[in-house]
Amino acid sequence: MISKILEMIGNWMIQTRKEKNITQANLAELCGLHEGVIRRYEREGYLTCSLHRMILIARQLEMYNPRKG
């Protein structure tokens, strides 16, 4: 059950990043992480991402405004 919820959240995060045209490099910079970390999380469907990091990344995705950058 929990793994299904985490999978749904991971899918949402990947889809949202793509819909907002945010590169993995840009997302990493917004979150203060290395691009390789975002790449790995996406490759693994965010299943290895800590809850703390998931919240950090999700907040950046929600707040991102392309006009502001």
C-alpha atoms as a PDB file:
ATOM      1  CA  MET A   1       0.000   0.000   0.000  1.00  0.00           C
ATOM      2  CA  ILE A   2       2.661   2.538   0.997  1.00  0.00           C
ATOM      3  CA  SER A   3       4.876   1.650  -1.955  1.00  0.00           C
ATOM      4  CA  LYS A   4       1.914   2.330  -4.283  1.00  0.00           C
ATOM      5  CA  ILE A   5       1.436   5.770  -2.718  1.00  0.00           C
ATOM      6  CA  LEU A   6       5.147   6.558  -3.042  1.00  0.00           C
ATOM      7  CA  GLU A   7       5.030   5.419  -6.670  1.00  0.00           C
ATOM      8  CA  MET A   8       2.115   7.792  -7.341  1.00  0.00           C
ATOM      9  CA  ILE A   9       3.956  10.693  -5.710  1.00  0.00           C
ATOM     10  CA  GLY A  10       7.109   9.921  -7.687  1.00  0.00           C
ATOM     11  CA  ASN A  11       5.143   9.812 -10.929  1.00  0.00           C
ATOM     12  CA  TRP A  12       3.507  13.134 -10.074  1.00  0.00           C
ATOM     13  CA  MET A  13       6.895  14.730  -9.374  1.00  0.00           C
ATOM     14  CA  ILE A  14       8.380  13.545 -12.675  1.00  0.00           C
ATOM     15  CA  GLN A  15       5.281  14.540 -14.660  1.00  0.00           C
ATOM     16  CA  THR A  16       5.075  17.960 -12.999  1.00  0.00           C
ATOM     17  CA  ARG A  17       8.740  18.691 -13.701  1.00  0.00           C
ATOM     18  CA  LYS A  18       8.258  17.835 -17.356  1.00  0.00           C
ATOM     19  CA  GLU A  19       4.983  19.765 -17.693  1.00  0.00           C
ATOM     20  CA  LYS A  20       6.635  22.869 -16.261  1.00  0.00           C
ATOM     21  CA  ASN A  21       9.642  22.396 -18.580  1.00  0.00           C
ATOM     22  CA  ILE A  22      12.068  22.246 -15.682  1.00  0.00           C
ATOM     23  CA  THR A  23      15.277  20.399 -16.444  1.00  0.00           C
ATOM     24  CA  GLN A  24      16.742  18.009 -13.937  1.00  0.00           C
ATOM     25  CA  ALA A  25      19.664  20.415 -13.611  1.00  0.00           C
ATOM     26  CA  ASN A  26      17.315  23.333 -12.867  1.00  0.00           C
ATOM     27  CA  LEU A  27      15.363  21.338 -10.303  1.00  0.00           C
ATOM     28  CA  ALA A  28      18.565  20.251  -8.626  1.00  0.00           C
ATOM     29  CA  GLU A  29      19.737  23.866  -8.409  1.00  0.00           C
ATOM     30  CA  LEU A  30      16.395  25.014  -6.964  1.00  0.00           C
ATOM     31  CA  CYS A  31      16.653  22.300  -4.306  1.00  0.00           C
ATOM     32  CA  GLY A  32      20.350  22.744  -3.545  1.00  0.00           C
ATOM     33  CA  LEU A  33      21.159  19.243  -4.809  1.00  0.00           C
ATOM     34  CA  HIS A  34      23.419  17.780  -7.467  1.00  0.00           C
ATOM     35  CA  GLU A  35      21.829  16.977 -10.812  1.00  0.00           C
ATOM     36  CA  GLY A  36      22.870  13.340 -10.419  1.00  0.00           C
ATOM     37  CA  VAL A  37      20.721  13.064  -7.298  1.00  0.00           C
ATOM     38  CA  ILE A  38      17.587  14.164  -9.194  1.00  0.00           C
ATOM     39  CA  ARG A  39      18.513  11.857 -12.081  1.00  0.00           C
ATOM     40  CA  ARG A  40      18.837   8.917  -9.688  1.00  0.00           C
ATOM     41  CA  TYR A  41      15.584   9.694  -7.884  1.00  0.00           C
ATOM     42  CA  GLU A  42      13.700   9.875 -11.178  1.00  0.00           C
ATOM     43  CA  ARG A  43      15.293   6.692 -12.485  1.00  0.00           C
ATOM     44  CA  GLU A  44      14.207   4.931  -9.273  1.00  0.00           C
ATOM     45  CA  GLY A  45      10.767   6.554  -9.278  1.00  0.00           C
ATOM     46  CA  TYR A  46      11.651   8.491  -6.100  1.00  0.00           C
ATOM     47  CA  LEU A  47      11.305   5.239  -4.133  1.00  0.00           C
ATOM     48  CA  THR A  48      14.731   5.744  -2.509  1.00  0.00           C
ATOM     49  CA  CYS A  49      14.142   9.414  -1.746  1.00  0.00           C
ATOM     50  CA  SER A  50      13.710  10.366   1.915  1.00  0.00           C
ATOM     51  CA  LEU A  51      10.441  11.978   2.941  1.00  0.00           C
ATOM     52  CA  HIS A  52      12.310  15.170   3.848  1.00  0.00           C
ATOM     53  CA  ARG A  53      13.806  15.422   0.358  1.00  0.00           C
ATOM     54  CA  MET A  54      10.521  14.480  -1.298  1.00  0.00           C
ATOM     55  CA  ILE A  55       8.818  17.384   0.468  1.00  0.00           C
ATOM     56  CA  LEU A  56      11.649  19.761  -0.470  1.00  0.00           C
ATOM     57  CA  ILE A  57      11.456  18.793  -4.150  1.00  0.00           C
ATOM     58  CA  ALA A  58       7.642  18.808  -4.248  1.00  0.00           C
ATOM     59  CA  ARG A  59       7.551  22.309  -2.752  1.00  0.00           C
ATOM     60  CA  GLN A  60       9.973  23.597  -5.377  1.00  0.00           C
ATOM     61  CA  LEU A  61       7.897  22.008  -8.128  1.00  0.00           C
ATOM     62  CA  GLU A  62       4.696  23.577  -6.809  1.00  0.00           C
ATOM     63  CA  MET A  63       6.216  27.026  -6.303  1.00  0.00           C
ATOM     64  CA  TYR A  64       8.105  27.129  -9.605  1.00  0.00           C
ATOM     65  CA  ASN A  65       7.029  30.020 -11.796  1.00  0.00           C
ATOM     66  CA  PRO A  66       8.732  30.110 -15.212  1.00  0.00           C
ATOM     67  CA  ARG A  67       8.375  33.870 -15.357  1.00  0.00           C
ATOM     68  CA  LYS A  68      10.467  34.174 -12.195  1.00  0.00           C
ATOM     69  CA  GLY A  69      12.807  31.286 -13.064  1.00  0.00           C
END
